[in-house]
Amino acid sequence: MDIYFSNKFFSPYEMMLGLFILEPIIVLIHELGHASFNFVFGGKTKKIVIGKGKRLFSIGILEIRRWYFYSGQCSVKSFENDSKPLTIIMLLGGVLFQLFTGIILLLLVKLGIIEHGNWLDVFLSFSFVMAVSAIIPITYPDGMNSIIS
């Protein structure tokens, strides 16, 4: 079985699936990457926020906001050894977790554990766009920077 990406456009239903269901999962995976690397280096995660706008609810350190499909943020307390290389690794943690998730999903398809479907193409495409936008420094209209968010 070959794993490939089709060159077709996503249907409106696939776009809605990607935006409203899969994107918040991708954002959570990304923010957990930051939090995990922060924890490994001795830092403490204060809050993980999914979305923008008014708070809908929170569970422990996880907070979900009204526009839950829009973006995310990981608030951390700095670790003692606040060196530049460790900070860079922690910042890349989100993209690395997304990469690992994509590789694991493709391996599960290759091993026949899960079936390759349109949802996987949508998930990987949305994840790729988020990873690229996280690596390229962007200042958003609200003043936040993609590198420090």
N, C-alpha and C. Protein backbone atom coordinates (compact mmCIF):
# COMPACT_ATOMS: atom_id res chain seq x y z
N MET A 1 0.84 -1.19 0.00
CA MET A 1 0.00 0.00 0.00
C MET A 1 0.88 1.24 0.00
N ASP A 2 0.65 2.10 -0.95
CA ASP A 2 1.41 3.35 -1.02
C ASP A 2 0.67 4.46 -0.29
N ILE A 3 1.43 5.25 0.44
CA ILE A 3 0.86 6.42 1.09
C ILE A 3 1.19 7.60 0.22
N TYR A 4 0.20 8.36 -0.15
CA TYR A 4 0.41 9.50 -1.01
C TYR A 4 -0.59 10.59 -0.65
N PHE A 5 -0.29 11.77 -1.10
CA PHE A 5 -1.20 12.88 -0.93
C PHE A 5 -1.83 13.16 -2.28
N SER A 6 -3.13 13.28 -2.29
CA SER A 6 -3.80 13.56 -3.56
C SER A 6 -3.60 15.03 -3.91
N ASN A 7 -3.77 15.33 -5.17
CA ASN A 7 -3.60 16.71 -5.61
C ASN A 7 -4.95 17.39 -5.83
N LYS A 8 -5.97 16.88 -5.18
CA LYS A 8 -7.30 17.48 -5.32
C LYS A 8 -7.50 18.54 -4.23
N PHE A 9 -8.45 19.43 -4.48
CA PHE A 9 -8.82 20.41 -3.48
C PHE A 9 -9.76 19.76 -2.47
N PHE A 10 -9.73 20.26 -1.25
CA PHE A 10 -10.64 19.73 -0.24
C PHE A 10 -12.05 20.25 -0.49
N SER A 11 -13.03 19.41 -0.20
CA SER A 11 -14.42 19.81 -0.32
C SER A 11 -14.76 20.77 0.83
N PRO A 12 -15.88 21.48 0.73
CA PRO A 12 -16.28 22.34 1.85
C PRO A 12 -16.43 21.56 3.16
N TYR A 13 -16.91 20.32 3.09
CA TYR A 13 -17.06 19.50 4.30
C TYR A 13 -15.70 19.16 4.91
N GLU A 14 -14.75 18.85 4.06
CA GLU A 14 -13.40 18.55 4.55
C GLU A 14 -12.74 19.80 5.14
N MET A 15 -12.99 20.95 4.54
CA MET A 15 -12.45 22.19 5.09
C MET A 15 -13.07 22.48 6.46
N MET A 16 -14.37 22.25 6.61
CA MET A 16 -15.02 22.47 7.91
C MET A 16 -14.50 21.47 8.94
N LEU A 17 -14.31 20.21 8.53
CA LEU A 17 -13.72 19.20 9.41
C LEU A 17 -12.34 19.66 9.87
N GLY A 18 -11.54 20.13 8.93
CA GLY A 18 -10.19 20.57 9.25
C GLY A 18 -10.19 21.77 10.18
N LEU A 19 -11.01 22.75 9.89
CA LEU A 19 -11.01 23.99 10.66
C LEU A 19 -11.62 23.83 12.05
N PHE A 20 -12.78 23.20 12.14
CA PHE A 20 -13.51 23.18 13.41
C PHE A 20 -13.23 21.97 14.29
N ILE A 21 -12.74 20.88 13.72
CA ILE A 21 -12.47 19.67 14.52
C ILE A 21 -10.98 19.38 14.61
N LEU A 22 -10.31 19.29 13.47
CA LEU A 22 -8.91 18.88 13.47
C LEU A 22 -7.94 19.99 13.88
N GLU A 23 -8.21 21.23 13.49
CA GLU A 23 -7.30 22.33 13.83
C GLU A 23 -7.13 22.50 15.34
N PRO A 24 -8.20 22.45 16.15
CA PRO A 24 -8.00 22.55 17.60
C PRO A 24 -7.15 21.39 18.15
N ILE A 25 -7.28 20.21 17.57
CA ILE A 25 -6.46 19.06 17.98
C ILE A 25 -5.00 19.32 17.61
N ILE A 26 -4.77 19.85 16.41
CA ILE A 26 -3.42 20.17 15.96
C ILE A 26 -2.80 21.24 16.85
N VAL A 27 -3.59 22.26 17.20
CA VAL A 27 -3.10 23.32 18.09
C VAL A 27 -2.75 22.74 19.45
N LEU A 28 -3.59 21.85 19.97
CA LEU A 28 -3.32 21.23 21.27
C LEU A 28 -2.02 20.42 21.22
N ILE A 29 -1.83 19.64 20.16
CA ILE A 29 -0.60 18.86 19.99
C ILE A 29 0.61 19.81 19.96
N HIS A 30 0.48 20.89 19.23
CA HIS A 30 1.56 21.87 19.11
C HIS A 30 1.91 22.47 20.48
N GLU A 31 0.90 22.90 21.20
CA GLU A 31 1.14 23.54 22.51
C GLU A 31 1.65 22.52 23.53
N LEU A 32 1.19 21.28 23.44
CA LEU A 32 1.73 20.23 24.33
C LEU A 32 3.21 19.98 24.04
N GLY A 33 3.62 20.19 22.80
CA GLY A 33 5.04 20.08 22.45
C GLY A 33 5.87 21.11 23.19
N HIS A 34 5.38 22.36 23.19
CA HIS A 34 6.09 23.40 23.95
C HIS A 34 6.13 23.05 25.44
N ALA A 35 4.98 22.66 25.97
CA ALA A 35 4.88 22.35 27.40
C ALA A 35 5.77 21.17 27.78
N SER A 36 5.82 20.15 26.93
CA SER A 36 6.63 18.96 27.22
C SER A 36 8.12 19.27 27.25
N PHE A 37 8.59 20.01 26.25
CA PHE A 37 10.01 20.37 26.24
C PHE A 37 10.34 21.30 27.40
N ASN A 38 9.42 22.18 27.73
CA ASN A 38 9.61 23.06 28.89
C ASN A 38 9.75 22.22 30.16
N PHE A 39 8.90 21.21 30.31
CA PHE A 39 8.94 20.33 31.48
C PHE A 39 10.26 19.55 31.53
N VAL A 40 10.69 19.03 30.38
CA VAL A 40 11.94 18.26 30.32
C VAL A 40 13.12 19.09 30.80
N PHE A 41 13.11 20.39 30.50
CA PHE A 41 14.23 21.24 30.88
C PHE A 41 14.03 21.92 32.23
N GLY A 42 13.02 21.48 32.98
CA GLY A 42 12.84 21.96 34.34
C GLY A 42 11.92 23.16 34.50
N GLY A 43 11.21 23.53 33.47
CA GLY A 43 10.27 24.66 33.56
C GLY A 43 8.91 24.20 34.03
N LYS A 44 8.03 25.15 34.24
CA LYS A 44 6.67 24.85 34.68
C LYS A 44 5.69 25.53 33.72
N THR A 45 4.73 24.76 33.23
CA THR A 45 3.71 25.30 32.34
C THR A 45 2.59 25.87 33.20
N LYS A 46 2.31 27.16 33.01
CA LYS A 46 1.26 27.80 33.78
C LYS A 46 -0.12 27.59 33.15
N LYS A 47 -0.17 27.68 31.82
CA LYS A 47 -1.46 27.59 31.14
C LYS A 47 -1.27 27.25 29.68
N ILE A 48 -2.16 26.41 29.15
CA ILE A 48 -2.23 26.15 27.72
C ILE A 48 -3.59 26.65 27.26
N VAL A 49 -3.59 27.58 26.32
CA VAL A 49 -4.82 28.19 25.83
C VAL A 49 -5.05 27.75 24.39
N ILE A 50 -6.26 27.30 24.11
CA ILE A 50 -6.66 26.95 22.75
C ILE A 50 -7.70 27.97 22.33
N GLY A 51 -7.38 28.76 21.31
CA GLY A 51 -8.31 29.74 20.79
C GLY A 51 -8.05 31.15 21.26
N LYS A 52 -8.94 32.03 20.84
CA LYS A 52 -8.91 33.46 21.20
C LYS A 52 -10.29 33.86 21.68
N GLY A 53 -10.36 35.02 22.30
CA GLY A 53 -11.65 35.54 22.74
C GLY A 53 -11.96 35.17 24.18
N LYS A 54 -13.25 35.23 24.52
CA LYS A 54 -13.69 34.94 25.88
C LYS A 54 -13.47 33.48 26.23
N ARG A 55 -13.14 33.24 27.49
CA ARG A 55 -12.93 31.87 27.97
C ARG A 55 -14.27 31.14 28.02
N LEU A 56 -14.31 29.94 27.42
CA LEU A 56 -15.50 29.09 27.50
C LEU A 56 -15.44 28.22 28.75
N PHE A 57 -14.30 27.53 28.92
CA PHE A 57 -14.11 26.70 30.11
C PHE A 57 -12.65 26.33 30.26
N SER A 58 -12.29 25.85 31.44
CA SER A 58 -10.93 25.37 31.66
C SER A 58 -10.98 24.06 32.44
N ILE A 59 -9.96 23.25 32.15
CA ILE A 59 -9.76 21.97 32.85
C ILE A 59 -8.29 21.96 33.25
N GLY A 60 -8.02 22.13 34.53
CA GLY A 60 -6.63 22.20 34.99
C GLY A 60 -5.94 23.39 34.35
N ILE A 61 -4.80 23.14 33.68
CA ILE A 61 -4.07 24.24 33.03
C ILE A 61 -4.55 24.49 31.61
N LEU A 62 -5.48 23.68 31.11
CA LEU A 62 -6.00 23.83 29.74
C LEU A 62 -7.20 24.77 29.74
N GLU A 63 -7.15 25.78 28.89
CA GLU A 63 -8.25 26.74 28.76
C GLU A 63 -8.72 26.77 27.31
N ILE A 64 -10.03 26.64 27.12
CA ILE A 64 -10.62 26.70 25.78
C ILE A 64 -11.37 28.01 25.66
N ARG A 65 -11.11 28.72 24.56
CA ARG A 65 -11.75 30.01 24.35
C ARG A 65 -12.75 29.96 23.19
N ARG A 66 -13.55 31.01 23.08
CA ARG A 66 -14.67 31.07 22.13
C ARG A 66 -14.25 30.71 20.70
N TRP A 67 -13.22 31.31 20.20
CA TRP A 67 -12.75 31.03 18.83
C TRP A 67 -11.70 29.92 18.92
N TYR A 68 -12.13 28.74 19.35
CA TYR A 68 -11.26 27.60 19.68
C TYR A 68 -10.44 27.08 18.50
N PHE A 69 -10.82 27.40 17.30
CA PHE A 69 -10.16 26.87 16.11
C PHE A 69 -9.10 27.83 15.57
N TYR A 70 -8.88 28.93 16.26
CA TYR A 70 -8.05 30.01 15.70
C TYR A 70 -6.56 29.86 15.98
N SER A 71 -6.17 29.70 17.22
CA SER A 71 -4.74 29.65 17.55
C SER A 71 -4.56 29.08 18.95
N GLY A 72 -3.36 29.12 19.45
CA GLY A 72 -3.09 28.64 20.79
C GLY A 72 -1.93 29.38 21.42
N GLN A 73 -1.76 29.13 22.71
CA GLN A 73 -0.67 29.77 23.44
C GLN A 73 -0.30 28.89 24.63
N CYS A 74 0.98 28.82 24.90
CA CYS A 74 1.49 28.07 26.04
C CYS A 74 2.24 29.05 26.93
N SER A 75 1.71 29.31 28.12
CA SER A 75 2.37 30.21 29.06
C SER A 75 3.22 29.39 30.00
N VAL A 76 4.50 29.72 30.05
CA VAL A 76 5.43 28.94 30.87
C VAL A 76 6.17 29.84 31.84
N LYS A 77 6.59 29.23 32.94
CA LYS A 77 7.49 29.89 33.87
C LYS A 77 8.89 29.47 33.44
N SER A 78 9.76 30.44 33.24
CA SER A 78 11.10 30.14 32.74
C SER A 78 11.83 29.14 33.62
N PHE A 79 12.65 28.34 32.97
CA PHE A 79 13.48 27.40 33.70
C PHE A 79 14.77 28.10 34.12
N GLU A 80 15.46 27.51 35.08
CA GLU A 80 16.65 28.16 35.65
C GLU A 80 17.74 28.38 34.60
N ASN A 81 18.03 27.36 33.80
CA ASN A 81 19.06 27.46 32.77
C ASN A 81 18.40 28.02 31.50
N ASP A 82 18.19 29.32 31.48
CA ASP A 82 17.46 29.97 30.39
C ASP A 82 18.39 30.31 29.23
N SER A 83 19.15 29.30 28.75
CA SER A 83 20.10 29.54 27.66
C SER A 83 19.38 29.61 26.32
N LYS A 84 20.01 30.24 25.37
CA LYS A 84 19.42 30.40 24.04
C LYS A 84 19.16 29.05 23.36
N PRO A 85 20.11 28.09 23.37
CA PRO A 85 19.83 26.79 22.73
C PRO A 85 18.62 26.07 23.35
N LEU A 86 18.50 26.10 24.67
CA LEU A 86 17.35 25.44 25.31
C LEU A 86 16.04 26.13 24.96
N THR A 87 16.08 27.46 24.89
CA THR A 87 14.88 28.21 24.51
C THR A 87 14.48 27.87 23.09
N ILE A 88 15.44 27.77 22.19
CA ILE A 88 15.14 27.42 20.79
C ILE A 88 14.53 26.02 20.72
N ILE A 89 15.10 25.07 21.46
CA ILE A 89 14.55 23.70 21.46
C ILE A 89 13.13 23.70 22.00
N MET A 90 12.89 24.45 23.07
CA MET A 90 11.55 24.51 23.64
C MET A 90 10.56 25.13 22.64
N LEU A 91 11.00 26.18 21.95
CA LEU A 91 10.13 26.82 20.96
C LEU A 91 9.84 25.88 19.79
N LEU A 92 10.81 25.06 19.41
CA LEU A 92 10.61 24.10 18.32
C LEU A 92 9.79 22.88 18.76
N GLY A 93 9.57 22.75 20.06
CA GLY A 93 8.84 21.60 20.58
C GLY A 93 7.47 21.41 19.94
N GLY A 94 6.77 22.51 19.66
CA GLY A 94 5.45 22.41 19.04
C GLY A 94 5.52 21.79 17.66
N VAL A 95 6.43 22.29 16.84
CA VAL A 95 6.58 21.77 15.48
C VAL A 95 7.08 20.32 15.52
N LEU A 96 7.99 20.01 16.44
CA LEU A 96 8.49 18.63 16.56
C LEU A 96 7.36 17.66 16.93
N PHE A 97 6.48 18.06 17.84
CA PHE A 97 5.35 17.20 18.20
C PHE A 97 4.42 17.00 17.00
N GLN A 98 4.21 18.05 16.22
CA GLN A 98 3.39 17.91 15.02
C GLN A 98 4.04 16.94 14.03
N LEU A 99 5.35 17.06 13.86
CA LEU A 99 6.09 16.16 12.97
C LEU A 99 5.97 14.71 13.45
N PHE A 100 6.19 14.48 14.74
CA PHE A 100 6.08 13.13 15.30
C PHE A 100 4.66 12.57 15.12
N THR A 101 3.66 13.41 15.33
CA THR A 101 2.27 12.96 15.17
C THR A 101 2.01 12.54 13.73
N GLY A 102 2.47 13.34 12.77
CA GLY A 102 2.30 12.99 11.36
C GLY A 102 2.99 11.69 11.00
N ILE A 103 4.22 11.50 11.49
CA ILE A 103 4.97 10.27 11.21
C ILE A 103 4.26 9.07 11.83
N ILE A 104 3.78 9.21 13.05
CA ILE A 104 3.07 8.11 13.73
C ILE A 104 1.80 7.75 12.96
N LEU A 105 1.04 8.76 12.53
CA LEU A 105 -0.19 8.48 11.76
C LEU A 105 0.13 7.76 10.46
N LEU A 106 1.16 8.21 9.75
CA LEU A 106 1.53 7.55 8.50
C LEU A 106 2.02 6.12 8.73
N LEU A 107 2.75 5.89 9.83
CA LEU A 107 3.17 4.52 10.17
C LEU A 107 1.98 3.63 10.50
N LEU A 108 1.01 4.18 11.22
CA LEU A 108 -0.20 3.41 11.54
C LEU A 108 -0.97 3.03 10.28
N VAL A 109 -0.99 3.92 9.30
CA VAL A 109 -1.62 3.61 8.02
C VAL A 109 -0.82 2.53 7.30
N LYS A 110 0.48 2.71 7.25
CA LYS A 110 1.36 1.76 6.56
C LYS A 110 1.25 0.36 7.17
N LEU A 111 1.11 0.29 8.51
CA LEU A 111 0.99 -1.00 9.19
C LEU A 111 -0.43 -1.57 9.13
N GLY A 112 -1.36 -0.81 8.58
CA GLY A 112 -2.74 -1.30 8.45
C GLY A 112 -3.56 -1.18 9.72
N ILE A 113 -3.07 -0.43 10.69
CA ILE A 113 -3.79 -0.27 11.95
C ILE A 113 -4.95 0.71 11.80
N ILE A 114 -4.71 1.78 11.04
CA ILE A 114 -5.80 2.70 10.71
C ILE A 114 -5.89 2.80 9.20
N GLU A 115 -7.06 3.19 8.72
CA GLU A 115 -7.28 3.28 7.29
C GLU A 115 -6.99 4.69 6.79
N HIS A 116 -6.32 4.75 5.65
CA HIS A 116 -6.05 6.06 5.05
C HIS A 116 -7.35 6.63 4.53
N GLY A 117 -7.66 7.84 4.96
CA GLY A 117 -8.88 8.49 4.52
C GLY A 117 -8.65 9.97 4.28
N ASN A 118 -9.69 10.62 3.80
CA ASN A 118 -9.59 12.06 3.54
C ASN A 118 -9.24 12.84 4.80
N TRP A 119 -9.73 12.37 5.96
CA TRP A 119 -9.45 13.06 7.22
C TRP A 119 -7.94 13.15 7.46
N LEU A 120 -7.19 12.10 7.06
CA LEU A 120 -5.75 12.09 7.26
C LEU A 120 -5.08 13.15 6.37
N ASP A 121 -5.51 13.24 5.12
CA ASP A 121 -4.98 14.26 4.22
C ASP A 121 -5.26 15.66 4.78
N VAL A 122 -6.49 15.85 5.28
CA VAL A 122 -6.86 17.15 5.84
C VAL A 122 -6.01 17.44 7.08
N PHE A 123 -5.87 16.45 7.97
CA PHE A 123 -5.09 16.62 9.19
C PHE A 123 -3.64 16.99 8.87
N LEU A 124 -3.02 16.23 7.99
CA LEU A 124 -1.62 16.47 7.65
C LEU A 124 -1.44 17.81 6.94
N SER A 125 -2.37 18.18 6.09
CA SER A 125 -2.28 19.47 5.38
C SER A 125 -2.41 20.64 6.35
N PHE A 126 -3.41 20.59 7.23
CA PHE A 126 -3.58 21.65 8.21
C PHE A 126 -2.39 21.71 9.16
N SER A 127 -1.88 20.56 9.54
CA SER A 127 -0.73 20.50 10.44
C SER A 127 0.50 21.10 9.77
N PHE A 128 0.69 20.81 8.50
CA PHE A 128 1.83 21.35 7.75
C PHE A 128 1.75 22.88 7.68
N VAL A 129 0.57 23.41 7.37
CA VAL A 129 0.40 24.86 7.30
C VAL A 129 0.69 25.50 8.65
N MET A 130 0.21 24.89 9.72
CA MET A 130 0.47 25.44 11.05
C MET A 130 1.96 25.39 11.39
N ALA A 131 2.62 24.29 11.06
CA ALA A 131 4.05 24.16 11.35
C ALA A 131 4.85 25.22 10.61
N VAL A 132 4.55 25.43 9.34
CA VAL A 132 5.26 26.45 8.56
C VAL A 132 5.00 27.83 9.14
N SER A 133 3.74 28.11 9.49
CA SER A 133 3.44 29.43 10.05
C SER A 133 4.06 29.62 11.44
N ALA A 134 4.33 28.53 12.15
CA ALA A 134 4.97 28.63 13.46
C ALA A 134 6.47 28.87 13.33
N ILE A 135 7.06 28.39 12.26
CA ILE A 135 8.51 28.55 12.07
C ILE A 135 8.85 29.93 11.51
N ILE A 136 7.99 30.45 10.64
CA ILE A 136 8.23 31.76 10.03
C ILE A 136 7.77 32.84 11.01
N PRO A 137 8.65 33.77 11.38
CA PRO A 137 8.24 34.82 12.33
C PRO A 137 7.16 35.72 11.73
N ILE A 138 6.02 35.76 12.41
CA ILE A 138 4.89 36.57 11.96
C ILE A 138 4.37 37.35 13.17
N THR A 139 4.08 38.64 12.97
CA THR A 139 3.41 39.41 14.00
C THR A 139 1.95 39.50 13.61
N TYR A 140 1.08 39.00 14.48
CA TYR A 140 -0.35 38.96 14.21
C TYR A 140 -0.99 40.32 14.50
N PRO A 141 -2.22 40.54 13.99
CA PRO A 141 -2.88 41.84 14.21
C PRO A 141 -3.03 42.22 15.69
N ASP A 142 -3.13 41.22 16.59
CA ASP A 142 -3.28 41.54 18.02
C ASP A 142 -1.94 41.83 18.69
N GLY A 143 -0.84 41.85 17.91
CA GLY A 143 0.47 42.18 18.45
C GLY A 143 1.29 40.98 18.89
N MET A 144 0.69 39.78 18.94
CA MET A 144 1.43 38.57 19.32
C MET A 144 2.37 38.18 18.19
N ASN A 145 3.47 37.53 18.56
CA ASN A 145 4.46 37.07 17.59
C ASN A 145 4.40 35.55 17.53
N SER A 146 4.48 34.97 16.35
CA SER A 146 4.38 33.53 16.19
C SER A 146 5.52 32.79 16.87
N ILE A 147 6.65 33.42 17.04
CA ILE A 147 7.80 32.76 17.65
C ILE A 147 7.64 32.68 19.17
N ILE A 148 7.01 33.64 19.80
CA ILE A 148 6.89 33.61 21.24
C ILE A 148 5.50 33.24 21.73
N SER A 149 4.61 32.89 20.84
CA SER A 149 3.26 32.55 21.29
C SER A 149 3.14 31.09 21.62
